[in-house]
PDB file of N, CA and C in Angstrom:
ATOM      1  N   MET A   1     -16.123   6.143   1.036  1.00  0.00           N
ATOM      2  CA  MET A   1     -15.374   5.856   2.239  1.00  0.00           C
ATOM      3  C   MET A   1     -16.050   6.610   3.389  1.00  0.00           C
ATOM      4  N   ASP A   2     -16.323   5.898   4.473  1.00  0.00           N
ATOM      5  CA  ASP A   2     -16.945   6.575   5.611  1.00  0.00           C
ATOM      6  C   ASP A   2     -15.889   7.283   6.463  1.00  0.00           C
ATOM      7  N   LEU A   3     -16.321   8.092   7.406  1.00  0.00           N
ATOM      8  CA  LEU A   3     -15.402   8.887   8.217  1.00  0.00           C
ATOM      9  C   LEU A   3     -14.433   8.028   9.017  1.00  0.00           C
ATOM     10  N   PHE A   4     -14.898   6.876   9.503  1.00  0.00           N
ATOM     11  CA  PHE A   4     -14.019   5.990  10.264  1.00  0.00           C
ATOM     12  C   PHE A   4     -12.878   5.471   9.390  1.00  0.00           C
ATOM     13  N   GLU A   5     -13.210   5.009   8.173  1.00  0.00           N
ATOM     14  CA  GLU A   5     -12.187   4.511   7.259  1.00  0.00           C
ATOM     15  C   GLU A   5     -11.214   5.618   6.871  1.00  0.00           C
ATOM     16  N   GLU A   6     -11.732   6.818   6.614  1.00  0.00           N
ATOM     17  CA  GLU A   6     -10.884   7.942   6.243  1.00  0.00           C
ATOM     18  C   GLU A   6      -9.921   8.295   7.378  1.00  0.00           C
ATOM     19  N   ALA A   7     -10.420   8.318   8.604  1.00  0.00           N
ATOM     20  CA  ALA A   7      -9.571   8.624   9.757  1.00  0.00           C
ATOM     21  C   ALA A   7      -8.506   7.550   9.942  1.00  0.00           C
ATOM     22  N   ALA A   8      -8.861   6.293   9.764  1.00  0.00           N
ATOM     23  CA  ALA A   8      -7.903   5.194   9.913  1.00  0.00           C
ATOM     24  C   ALA A   8      -6.825   5.276   8.843  1.00  0.00           C
ATOM     25  N   GLU A   9      -7.207   5.640   7.620  1.00  0.00           N
ATOM     26  CA  GLU A   9      -6.246   5.762   6.533  1.00  0.00           C
ATOM     27  C   GLU A   9      -5.252   6.884   6.820  1.00  0.00           C
ATOM     28  N   LYS A  10      -5.726   8.022   7.282  1.00  0.00           N
ATOM     29  CA  LYS A  10      -4.849   9.138   7.614  1.00  0.00           C
ATOM     30  C   LYS A  10      -3.926   8.784   8.779  1.00  0.00           C
ATOM     31  N   ALA A  11      -4.457   8.135   9.784  1.00  0.00           N
ATOM     32  CA  ALA A  11      -3.658   7.792  10.961  1.00  0.00           C
ATOM     33  C   ALA A  11      -2.530   6.830  10.600  1.00  0.00           C
ATOM     34  N   ALA A  12      -2.762   5.962   9.652  1.00  0.00           N
ATOM     35  CA  ALA A  12      -1.762   4.968   9.288  1.00  0.00           C
ATOM     36  C   ALA A  12      -0.531   5.591   8.639  1.00  0.00           C
ATOM     37  N   ALA A  13      -0.696   6.739   7.987  1.00  0.00           N
ATOM     38  CA  ALA A  13       0.424   7.345   7.275  1.00  0.00           C
ATOM     39  C   ALA A  13       0.899   8.645   7.914  1.00  0.00           C
ATOM     40  N   SER A  14       0.416   8.970   9.088  1.00  0.00           N
ATOM     41  CA  SER A  14       0.711  10.261   9.696  1.00  0.00           C
ATOM     42  C   SER A  14       1.904  10.225  10.627  1.00  0.00           C
ATOM     43  N   ILE A  15       2.535  11.367  10.768  1.00  0.00           N
ATOM     44  CA  ILE A  15       3.531  11.571  11.801  1.00  0.00           C
ATOM     45  C   ILE A  15       2.764  12.089  13.010  1.00  0.00           C
ATOM     46  N   PRO A  16       2.860  11.438  14.166  1.00  0.00           N
ATOM     47  CA  PRO A  16       2.128  11.906  15.336  1.00  0.00           C
ATOM     48  C   PRO A  16       2.428  13.372  15.633  1.00  0.00           C
ATOM     49  N   GLY A  17       1.380  14.121  15.880  1.00  0.00           N
ATOM     50  CA  GLY A  17       1.525  15.527  16.235  1.00  0.00           C
ATOM     51  C   GLY A  17       1.709  16.461  15.056  1.00  0.00           C
ATOM     52  N   ALA A  18       1.564  15.969  13.830  1.00  0.00           N
ATOM     53  CA  ALA A  18       1.711  16.834  12.660  1.00  0.00           C
ATOM     54  C   ALA A  18       0.646  17.919  12.687  1.00  0.00           C
ATOM     55  N   ALA A  19       1.023  19.131  12.315  1.00  0.00           N
ATOM     56  CA  ALA A  19       0.085  20.253  12.329  1.00  0.00           C
ATOM     57  C   ALA A  19      -0.979  20.095  11.252  1.00  0.00           C
ATOM     58  N   VAL A  20      -0.612  19.537  10.119  1.00  0.00           N
ATOM     59  CA  VAL A  20      -1.549  19.347   9.013  1.00  0.00           C
ATOM     60  C   VAL A  20      -1.472  17.888   8.584  1.00  0.00           C
ATOM     61  N   ASN A  21      -2.624  17.300   8.321  1.00  0.00           N
ATOM     62  CA  ASN A  21      -2.644  15.903   7.900  1.00  0.00           C
ATOM     63  C   ASN A  21      -3.478  15.782   6.634  1.00  0.00           C
ATOM     64  N   ILE A  22      -2.826  16.012   5.490  1.00  0.00           N
ATOM     65  CA  ILE A  22      -3.472  15.902   4.195  1.00  0.00           C
ATOM     66  C   ILE A  22      -2.824  14.731   3.475  1.00  0.00           C
ATOM     67  N   PRO A  23      -3.603  13.770   2.992  1.00  0.00           N
ATOM     68  CA  PRO A  23      -2.998  12.631   2.302  1.00  0.00           C
ATOM     69  C   PRO A  23      -2.287  13.049   1.014  1.00  0.00           C
ATOM     70  N   ALA A  24      -1.179  12.421   0.723  1.00  0.00           N
ATOM     71  CA  ALA A  24      -0.457  12.672  -0.521  1.00  0.00           C
ATOM     72  C   ALA A  24      -1.317  12.193  -1.693  1.00  0.00           C
ATOM     73  N   PRO A  25      -1.462  13.007  -2.739  1.00  0.00           N
ATOM     74  CA  PRO A  25      -2.336  12.647  -3.861  1.00  0.00           C
ATOM     75  C   PRO A  25      -1.814  11.461  -4.664  1.00  0.00           C
ATOM     76  N   ASN A  26      -2.657  10.451  -4.822  1.00  0.00           N
ATOM     77  CA  ASN A  26      -2.338   9.248  -5.597  1.00  0.00           C
ATOM     78  C   ASN A  26      -1.048   8.571  -5.137  1.00  0.00           C
ATOM     79  N   TYR A  27      -0.835   8.525  -3.834  1.00  0.00           N
ATOM     80  CA  TYR A  27       0.354   7.882  -3.261  1.00  0.00           C
ATOM     81  C   TYR A  27       0.255   6.371  -3.412  1.00  0.00           C
ATOM     82  N   GLY A  28       1.311   5.766  -3.956  1.00  0.00           N
ATOM     83  CA  GLY A  28       1.339   4.319  -4.114  1.00  0.00           C
ATOM     84  C   GLY A  28       2.629   3.885  -4.792  1.00  0.00           C
ATOM     85  N   PRO A  29       2.713   2.619  -5.183  1.00  0.00           N
ATOM     86  CA  PRO A  29       3.939   2.096  -5.788  1.00  0.00           C
ATOM     87  C   PRO A  29       4.329   2.862  -7.054  1.00  0.00           C
ATOM     88  N   ALA A  30       5.610   3.183  -7.180  1.00  0.00           N
ATOM     89  CA  ALA A  30       6.132   3.894  -8.351  1.00  0.00           C
ATOM     90  C   ALA A  30       6.333   2.930  -9.506  1.00  0.00           C
ATOM     91  N   GLU A  31       6.084   3.403 -10.715  1.00  0.00           N
ATOM     92  CA  GLU A  31       6.323   2.576 -11.900  1.00  0.00           C
ATOM     93  C   GLU A  31       7.822   2.373 -12.125  1.00  0.00           C
ATOM     94  N   ASN A  32       8.615   3.401 -11.841  1.00  0.00           N
ATOM     95  CA  ASN A  32      10.060   3.325 -12.018  1.00  0.00           C
ATOM     96  C   ASN A  32      10.725   3.983 -10.806  1.00  0.00           C
ATOM     97  N   PRO A  33      10.862   3.251  -9.690  1.00  0.00           N
ATOM     98  CA  PRO A  33      11.360   3.841  -8.442  1.00  0.00           C
ATOM     99  C   PRO A  33      12.759   4.442  -8.522  1.00  0.00           C
ATOM    100  N   GLU A  34      13.584   4.004  -9.474  1.00  0.00           N
ATOM    101  CA  GLU A  34      14.919   4.574  -9.593  1.00  0.00           C
ATOM    102  C   GLU A  34      14.869   6.005 -10.106  1.00  0.00           C
ATOM    103  N   LEU A  35      13.815   6.347 -10.859  1.00  0.00           N
ATOM    104  CA  LEU A  35      13.701   7.682 -11.437  1.00  0.00           C
ATOM    105  C   LEU A  35      12.750   8.585 -10.657  1.00  0.00           C
ATOM    106  N   GLU A  36      11.533   8.120 -10.431  1.00  0.00           N
ATOM    107  CA  GLU A  36      10.533   8.922  -9.731  1.00  0.00           C
ATOM    108  C   GLU A  36       9.928   8.113  -8.596  1.00  0.00           C
ATOM    109  N   SER A  37      10.367   8.436  -7.361  1.00  0.00           N
ATOM    110  CA  SER A  37       9.850   7.765  -6.172  1.00  0.00           C
ATOM    111  C   SER A  37      10.125   8.653  -4.968  1.00  0.00           C
ATOM    112  N   CYS A  38       9.609   8.271  -3.832  1.00  0.00           N
ATOM    113  CA  CYS A  38       9.910   9.018  -2.607  1.00  0.00           C
ATOM    114  C   CYS A  38      11.419   9.072  -2.376  1.00  0.00           C
ATOM    115  N   GLY A  39      12.119   8.024  -2.748  1.00  0.00           N
ATOM    116  CA  GLY A  39      13.558   7.967  -2.552  1.00  0.00           C
ATOM    117  C   GLY A  39      14.325   8.989  -3.375  1.00  0.00           C
ATOM    118  N   THR A  40      13.709   9.525  -4.439  1.00  0.00           N
ATOM    119  CA  THR A  40      14.369  10.524  -5.282  1.00  0.00           C
ATOM    120  C   THR A  40      13.653  11.872  -5.241  1.00  0.00           C
ATOM    121  N   CYS A  41      12.770  12.062  -4.294  1.00  0.00           N
ATOM    122  CA  CYS A  41      11.953  13.282  -4.214  1.00  0.00           C
ATOM    123  C   CYS A  41      12.584  14.322  -3.282  1.00  0.00           C
ATOM    124  N   LYS A  42      12.494  15.585  -3.661  1.00  0.00           N
ATOM    125  CA  LYS A  42      13.069  16.661  -2.851  1.00  0.00           C
ATOM    126  C   LYS A  42      12.337  16.847  -1.526  1.00  0.00           C
ATOM    127  N   PHE A  43      11.113  16.370  -1.400  1.00  0.00           N
ATOM    128  CA  PHE A  43      10.347  16.557  -0.172  1.00  0.00           C
ATOM    129  C   PHE A  43      10.675  15.546   0.924  1.00  0.00           C
ATOM    130  N   ARG A  44      11.366  14.463   0.586  1.00  0.00           N
ATOM    131  CA  ARG A  44      11.732  13.441   1.573  1.00  0.00           C
ATOM    132  C   ARG A  44      13.002  13.869   2.291  1.00  0.00           C
ATOM    133  N   ASP A  45      12.979  13.812   3.619  1.00  0.00           N
ATOM    134  CA  ASP A  45      14.175  14.191   4.376  1.00  0.00           C
ATOM    135  C   ASP A  45      15.020  12.966   4.706  1.00  0.00           C
ATOM    136  N   GLN A  46      16.151  13.184   5.375  1.00  0.00           N
ATOM    137  CA  GLN A  46      17.096  12.114   5.701  1.00  0.00           C
ATOM    138  C   GLN A  46      16.482  10.997   6.544  1.00  0.00           C
ATOM    139  N   SER A  47      15.477  11.337   7.350  1.00  0.00           N
ATOM    140  CA  SER A  47      14.856  10.322   8.216  1.00  0.00           C
ATOM    141  C   SER A  47      13.752   9.537   7.518  1.00  0.00           C
ATOM    142  N   GLY A  48      13.417   9.911   6.269  1.00  0.00           N
ATOM    143  CA  GLY A  48      12.387   9.197   5.526  1.00  0.00           C
ATOM    144  C   GLY A  48      11.012   9.814   5.598  1.00  0.00           C
ATOM    145  N   LYS A  49      10.916  10.988   6.199  1.00  0.00           N
ATOM    146  CA  LYS A  49       9.618  11.665   6.313  1.00  0.00           C
ATOM    147  C   LYS A  49       9.397  12.583   5.118  1.00  0.00           C
ATOM    148  N   CYS A  50       8.148  12.674   4.705  1.00  0.00           N
ATOM    149  CA  CYS A  50       7.757  13.593   3.635  1.00  0.00           C
ATOM    150  C   CYS A  50       7.470  14.953   4.252  1.00  0.00           C
ATOM    151  N   ASN A  51       8.212  15.965   3.837  1.00  0.00           N
ATOM    152  CA  ASN A  51       8.020  17.306   4.355  1.00  0.00           C
ATOM    153  C   ASN A  51       6.833  18.024   3.719  1.00  0.00           C
ATOM    154  N   ALA A  52       6.317  17.510   2.624  1.00  0.00           N
ATOM    155  CA  ALA A  52       5.157  18.119   1.973  1.00  0.00           C
ATOM    156  C   ALA A  52       3.850  17.685   2.634  1.00  0.00           C
ATOM    157  N   TYR A  53       3.773  16.410   3.062  1.00  0.00           N
ATOM    158  CA  TYR A  53       2.524  15.874   3.599  1.00  0.00           C
ATOM    159  C   TYR A  53       2.649  15.284   4.997  1.00  0.00           C
ATOM    160  N   ALA A  54       3.791  15.416   5.610  1.00  0.00           N
ATOM    161  CA  ALA A  54       3.999  15.003   7.002  1.00  0.00           C
ATOM    162  C   ALA A  54       3.629  13.546   7.278  1.00  0.00           C
ATOM    163  N   PHE A  55       4.327  12.624   6.611  1.00  0.00           N
ATOM    164  CA  PHE A  55       4.157  11.200   6.914  1.00  0.00           C
ATOM    165  C   PHE A  55       5.457  10.466   6.595  1.00  0.00           C
ATOM    166  N   ASP A  56       5.586   9.257   7.115  1.00  0.00           N
ATOM    167  CA  ASP A  56       6.751   8.419   6.850  1.00  0.00           C
ATOM    168  C   ASP A  56       6.582   7.757   5.489  1.00  0.00           C
ATOM    169  N   THR A  57       7.560   7.953   4.620  1.00  0.00           N
ATOM    170  CA  THR A  57       7.453   7.457   3.249  1.00  0.00           C
ATOM    171  C   THR A  57       7.917   6.008   3.108  1.00  0.00           C
ATOM    172  N   VAL A  58       7.556   5.410   1.997  1.00  0.00           N
ATOM    173  CA  VAL A  58       8.097   4.140   1.531  1.00  0.00           C
ATOM    174  C   VAL A  58       8.939   4.514   0.313  1.00  0.00           C
ATOM    175  N   LEU A  59      10.214   4.185   0.339  1.00  0.00           N
ATOM    176  CA  LEU A  59      11.139   4.640  -0.709  1.00  0.00           C
ATOM    177  C   LEU A  59      10.675   4.340  -2.130  1.00  0.00           C
ATOM    178  N   SER A  60      10.021   3.211  -2.330  1.00  0.00           N
ATOM    179  CA  SER A  60       9.622   2.803  -3.682  1.00  0.00           C
ATOM    180  C   SER A  60       8.234   3.301  -4.084  1.00  0.00           C
ATOM    181  N   ASN A  61       7.611   4.125  -3.248  1.00  0.00           N
ATOM    182  CA  ASN A  61       6.316   4.715  -3.593  1.00  0.00           C
ATOM    183  C   ASN A  61       6.515   6.121  -4.143  1.00  0.00           C
ATOM    184  N   VAL A  62       5.441   6.699  -4.674  1.00  0.00           N
ATOM    185  CA  VAL A  62       5.482   8.054  -5.221  1.00  0.00           C
ATOM    186  C   VAL A  62       4.074   8.637  -5.166  1.00  0.00           C
ATOM    187  N   CYS A  63       3.985   9.974  -5.228  1.00  0.00           N
ATOM    188  CA  CYS A  63       2.682  10.639  -5.319  1.00  0.00           C
ATOM    189  C   CYS A  63       2.740  11.686  -6.426  1.00  0.00           C
ATOM    190  N   ASP A  64       1.619  12.346  -6.687  1.00  0.00           N
ATOM    191  CA  ASP A  64       1.547  13.331  -7.764  1.00  0.00           C
ATOM    192  C   ASP A  64       2.364  14.595  -7.489  1.00  0.00           C
ATOM    193  N   SER A  65       2.826  14.784  -6.274  1.00  0.00           N
ATOM    194  CA  SER A  65       3.605  15.979  -5.932  1.00  0.00           C
ATOM    195  C   SER A  65       5.112  15.772  -6.060  1.00  0.00           C
ATOM    196  N   TRP A  66       5.537  14.625  -6.588  1.00  0.00           N
ATOM    197  CA  TRP A  66       6.959  14.324  -6.709  1.00  0.00           C
ATOM    198  C   TRP A  66       7.698  15.444  -7.440  1.00  0.00           C
ATOM    199  N   GLN A  67       8.855  15.822  -6.888  1.00  0.00           N
ATOM    200  CA  GLN A  67       9.759  16.793  -7.514  1.00  0.00           C
ATOM    201  C   GLN A  67      11.175  16.235  -7.387  1.00  0.00           C
ATOM    202  N   PRO A  68      12.007  16.406  -8.414  1.00  0.00           N
ATOM    203  CA  PRO A  68      13.370  15.875  -8.335  1.00  0.00           C
ATOM    204  C   PRO A  68      14.209  16.566  -7.286  1.00  0.00           C
ATOM    205  N   GLN A  69      15.094  15.831  -6.683  1.00  0.00           N
ATOM    206  CA  GLN A  69      16.029  16.406  -5.701  1.00  0.00           C
ATOM    207  C   GLN A  69      16.880  17.460  -6.387  1.00  0.00           C
ATOM    208  N   GLY A  70      17.238  18.485  -5.625  1.00  0.00           N
ATOM    209  CA  GLY A  70      18.047  19.559  -6.179  1.00  0.00           C
ATOM    210  C   GLY A  70      17.225  20.635  -6.858  1.00  0.00           C
ATOM    211  N   ASN A  71      15.905  20.438  -6.943  1.00  0.00           N
ATOM    212  CA  ASN A  71      15.016  21.419  -7.565  1.00  0.00           C
ATOM    213  C   ASN A  71      14.224  22.126  -6.479  1.00  0.00           C
ATOM    214  N   ILE A  72      14.929  22.793  -5.581  1.00  0.00           N
ATOM    215  CA  ILE A  72      14.274  23.427  -4.427  1.00  0.00           C
ATOM    216  C   ILE A  72      14.080  24.897  -4.678  1.00  0.00           C
TER     217      ILE A  72
END
């Protein structure tokens, strides 16, 4: 991936003005969204943003950093 593609990929999932912009590891569609997904992750806030990687989530997606809610 060249620098232009990498920058475009980060920009597409970023919250404008985020202090750190690191892509979520292996972020994509969840195999079982009812059990492990952004919608059930402790890092997702009420507005749908991921507090671990500073981007707007898709409820049915998941990444390798998923943690169950209530496990803070």
